[in-house]
N, C-alpha and C. Protein backbone atom coordinates (compact mmCIF):
# COMPACT_ATOMS: atom_id res chain seq x y z
N MET A 1 -26.96 -134.35 -3.20
CA MET A 1 -27.82 -133.77 -4.22
C MET A 1 -28.49 -132.52 -3.65
N THR A 2 -28.32 -131.43 -4.32
CA THR A 2 -28.93 -130.18 -3.88
C THR A 2 -30.00 -129.75 -4.87
N LEU A 3 -30.98 -129.06 -4.35
CA LEU A 3 -32.08 -128.57 -5.17
C LEU A 3 -31.98 -127.07 -5.26
N LYS A 4 -31.87 -126.57 -6.47
CA LYS A 4 -31.75 -125.14 -6.67
C LYS A 4 -33.04 -124.63 -7.32
N ILE A 5 -33.69 -123.69 -6.66
CA ILE A 5 -34.93 -123.11 -7.17
C ILE A 5 -34.63 -121.70 -7.66
N GLU A 6 -34.94 -121.47 -8.91
CA GLU A 6 -34.73 -120.15 -9.48
C GLU A 6 -36.08 -119.50 -9.72
N ARG A 7 -36.17 -118.24 -9.39
CA ARG A 7 -37.42 -117.51 -9.56
C ARG A 7 -37.39 -116.77 -10.89
N GLN A 8 -38.43 -116.99 -11.67
CA GLN A 8 -38.54 -116.31 -12.95
C GLN A 8 -39.80 -115.45 -12.93
N SER A 9 -39.75 -114.34 -13.64
CA SER A 9 -40.92 -113.49 -13.71
C SER A 9 -41.92 -114.08 -14.69
N ALA A 10 -43.16 -113.65 -14.54
CA ALA A 10 -44.22 -114.12 -15.43
C ALA A 10 -44.00 -113.55 -16.83
N PRO A 11 -44.50 -114.25 -17.84
CA PRO A 11 -44.39 -113.72 -19.20
C PRO A 11 -45.07 -112.36 -19.33
N ARG A 12 -44.61 -111.57 -20.28
CA ARG A 12 -45.13 -110.21 -20.45
C ARG A 12 -46.63 -110.17 -20.69
N TRP A 13 -47.16 -111.13 -21.45
CA TRP A 13 -48.58 -111.12 -21.76
C TRP A 13 -49.43 -111.49 -20.54
N LEU A 14 -48.83 -112.17 -19.58
CA LEU A 14 -49.58 -112.62 -18.41
C LEU A 14 -49.58 -111.58 -17.29
N GLN A 15 -48.62 -110.69 -17.26
CA GLN A 15 -48.49 -109.72 -16.18
C GLN A 15 -49.72 -108.83 -16.00
N PRO A 16 -50.33 -108.27 -17.05
CA PRO A 16 -51.53 -107.45 -16.82
C PRO A 16 -52.76 -108.29 -16.46
N LEU A 17 -52.73 -109.58 -16.79
CA LEU A 17 -53.89 -110.43 -16.51
C LEU A 17 -53.90 -110.98 -15.08
N LEU A 18 -52.75 -111.03 -14.43
CA LEU A 18 -52.68 -111.62 -13.10
C LEU A 18 -53.56 -110.92 -12.06
N PRO A 19 -53.58 -109.59 -11.97
CA PRO A 19 -54.47 -108.96 -10.99
C PRO A 19 -55.95 -109.22 -11.28
N LEU A 20 -56.32 -109.21 -12.55
CA LEU A 20 -57.71 -109.49 -12.91
C LEU A 20 -58.09 -110.93 -12.60
N LEU A 21 -57.18 -111.83 -12.85
CA LEU A 21 -57.42 -113.23 -12.53
C LEU A 21 -57.53 -113.44 -11.03
N ALA A 22 -56.71 -112.75 -10.26
CA ALA A 22 -56.78 -112.86 -8.79
C ALA A 22 -58.11 -112.34 -8.27
N VAL A 23 -58.60 -111.24 -8.81
CA VAL A 23 -59.90 -110.70 -8.38
C VAL A 23 -61.02 -111.66 -8.75
N ALA A 24 -60.97 -112.24 -9.94
CA ALA A 24 -62.00 -113.18 -10.37
C ALA A 24 -62.03 -114.43 -9.49
N ILE A 25 -60.86 -114.95 -9.16
CA ILE A 25 -60.79 -116.14 -8.30
C ILE A 25 -61.29 -115.81 -6.90
N THR A 26 -60.90 -114.65 -6.38
CA THR A 26 -61.36 -114.25 -5.05
C THR A 26 -62.86 -114.07 -5.02
N PHE A 27 -63.44 -113.44 -6.03
CA PHE A 27 -64.88 -113.27 -6.09
C PHE A 27 -65.59 -114.62 -6.15
N THR A 28 -65.06 -115.54 -6.93
CA THR A 28 -65.68 -116.86 -7.06
C THR A 28 -65.66 -117.62 -5.73
N LEU A 29 -64.52 -117.61 -5.06
CA LEU A 29 -64.42 -118.33 -3.79
C LEU A 29 -65.30 -117.71 -2.70
N THR A 30 -65.26 -116.39 -2.59
CA THR A 30 -66.03 -115.76 -1.52
C THR A 30 -67.52 -115.73 -1.82
N SER A 31 -67.91 -115.72 -3.09
CA SER A 31 -69.34 -115.76 -3.39
C SER A 31 -69.92 -117.11 -2.99
N ALA A 32 -69.12 -118.16 -3.08
CA ALA A 32 -69.59 -119.47 -2.61
C ALA A 32 -69.83 -119.43 -1.10
N PHE A 33 -68.96 -118.78 -0.36
CA PHE A 33 -69.16 -118.66 1.09
C PHE A 33 -70.38 -117.82 1.42
N VAL A 34 -70.61 -116.76 0.66
CA VAL A 34 -71.79 -115.92 0.89
C VAL A 34 -73.06 -116.72 0.63
N LEU A 35 -73.07 -117.49 -0.42
CA LEU A 35 -74.24 -118.30 -0.73
C LEU A 35 -74.47 -119.39 0.31
N LEU A 36 -73.40 -120.00 0.79
CA LEU A 36 -73.54 -121.04 1.81
C LEU A 36 -73.95 -120.46 3.16
N ALA A 37 -73.47 -119.29 3.48
CA ALA A 37 -73.74 -118.71 4.80
C ALA A 37 -75.19 -118.27 4.94
N GLY A 38 -75.74 -117.62 3.95
CA GLY A 38 -77.09 -117.13 4.13
C GLY A 38 -77.93 -117.10 2.88
N GLY A 39 -77.37 -117.51 1.78
CA GLY A 39 -78.12 -117.49 0.54
C GLY A 39 -78.34 -116.10 -0.03
N ALA A 40 -77.55 -115.14 0.41
CA ALA A 40 -77.70 -113.76 -0.07
C ALA A 40 -77.10 -113.63 -1.47
N ASP A 41 -77.44 -112.56 -2.13
CA ASP A 41 -76.88 -112.25 -3.44
C ASP A 41 -75.44 -111.78 -3.26
N PRO A 42 -74.47 -112.45 -3.88
CA PRO A 42 -73.07 -112.06 -3.68
C PRO A 42 -72.77 -110.64 -4.14
N LEU A 43 -73.40 -110.19 -5.23
CA LEU A 43 -73.11 -108.84 -5.71
C LEU A 43 -73.59 -107.77 -4.73
N SER A 44 -74.76 -107.97 -4.14
CA SER A 44 -75.22 -106.99 -3.15
C SER A 44 -74.40 -107.07 -1.87
N ALA A 45 -73.93 -108.25 -1.52
CA ALA A 45 -73.08 -108.39 -0.34
C ALA A 45 -71.76 -107.62 -0.54
N TYR A 46 -71.18 -107.73 -1.72
CA TYR A 46 -69.95 -106.98 -2.01
C TYR A 46 -70.22 -105.49 -2.06
N TYR A 47 -71.37 -105.11 -2.58
CA TYR A 47 -71.72 -103.69 -2.65
C TYR A 47 -71.78 -103.09 -1.24
N TYR A 48 -72.47 -103.77 -0.32
CA TYR A 48 -72.55 -103.24 1.05
C TYR A 48 -71.20 -103.31 1.77
N PHE A 49 -70.42 -104.33 1.49
CA PHE A 49 -69.10 -104.43 2.09
C PHE A 49 -68.23 -103.25 1.67
N LEU A 50 -68.25 -102.91 0.38
CA LEU A 50 -67.44 -101.81 -0.10
C LEU A 50 -67.96 -100.47 0.42
N LEU A 51 -69.29 -100.34 0.58
CA LEU A 51 -69.83 -99.10 1.14
C LEU A 51 -69.37 -98.91 2.58
N LEU A 52 -69.39 -99.99 3.37
CA LEU A 52 -68.95 -99.88 4.76
C LEU A 52 -67.44 -99.66 4.84
N LEU A 53 -66.71 -100.27 3.92
CA LEU A 53 -65.26 -100.15 3.94
C LEU A 53 -64.80 -98.76 3.50
N LEU A 54 -65.39 -98.26 2.44
CA LEU A 54 -64.94 -96.99 1.87
C LEU A 54 -65.75 -95.80 2.33
N GLY A 55 -66.90 -96.03 2.91
CA GLY A 55 -67.79 -94.92 3.24
C GLY A 55 -67.72 -94.45 4.64
């Protein structure tokens, strides 16, 4: 018995939503870590992170 896995692309309506969904999930997970680590505001933590990264 062999198992054949075929890769299919996402539906057309889901393709533009996938990057937004990935960003939302990432923000949710990392904001929990920010809150657990020091109780800081996640939005200000991301703001300073982006300033240091891009500035």
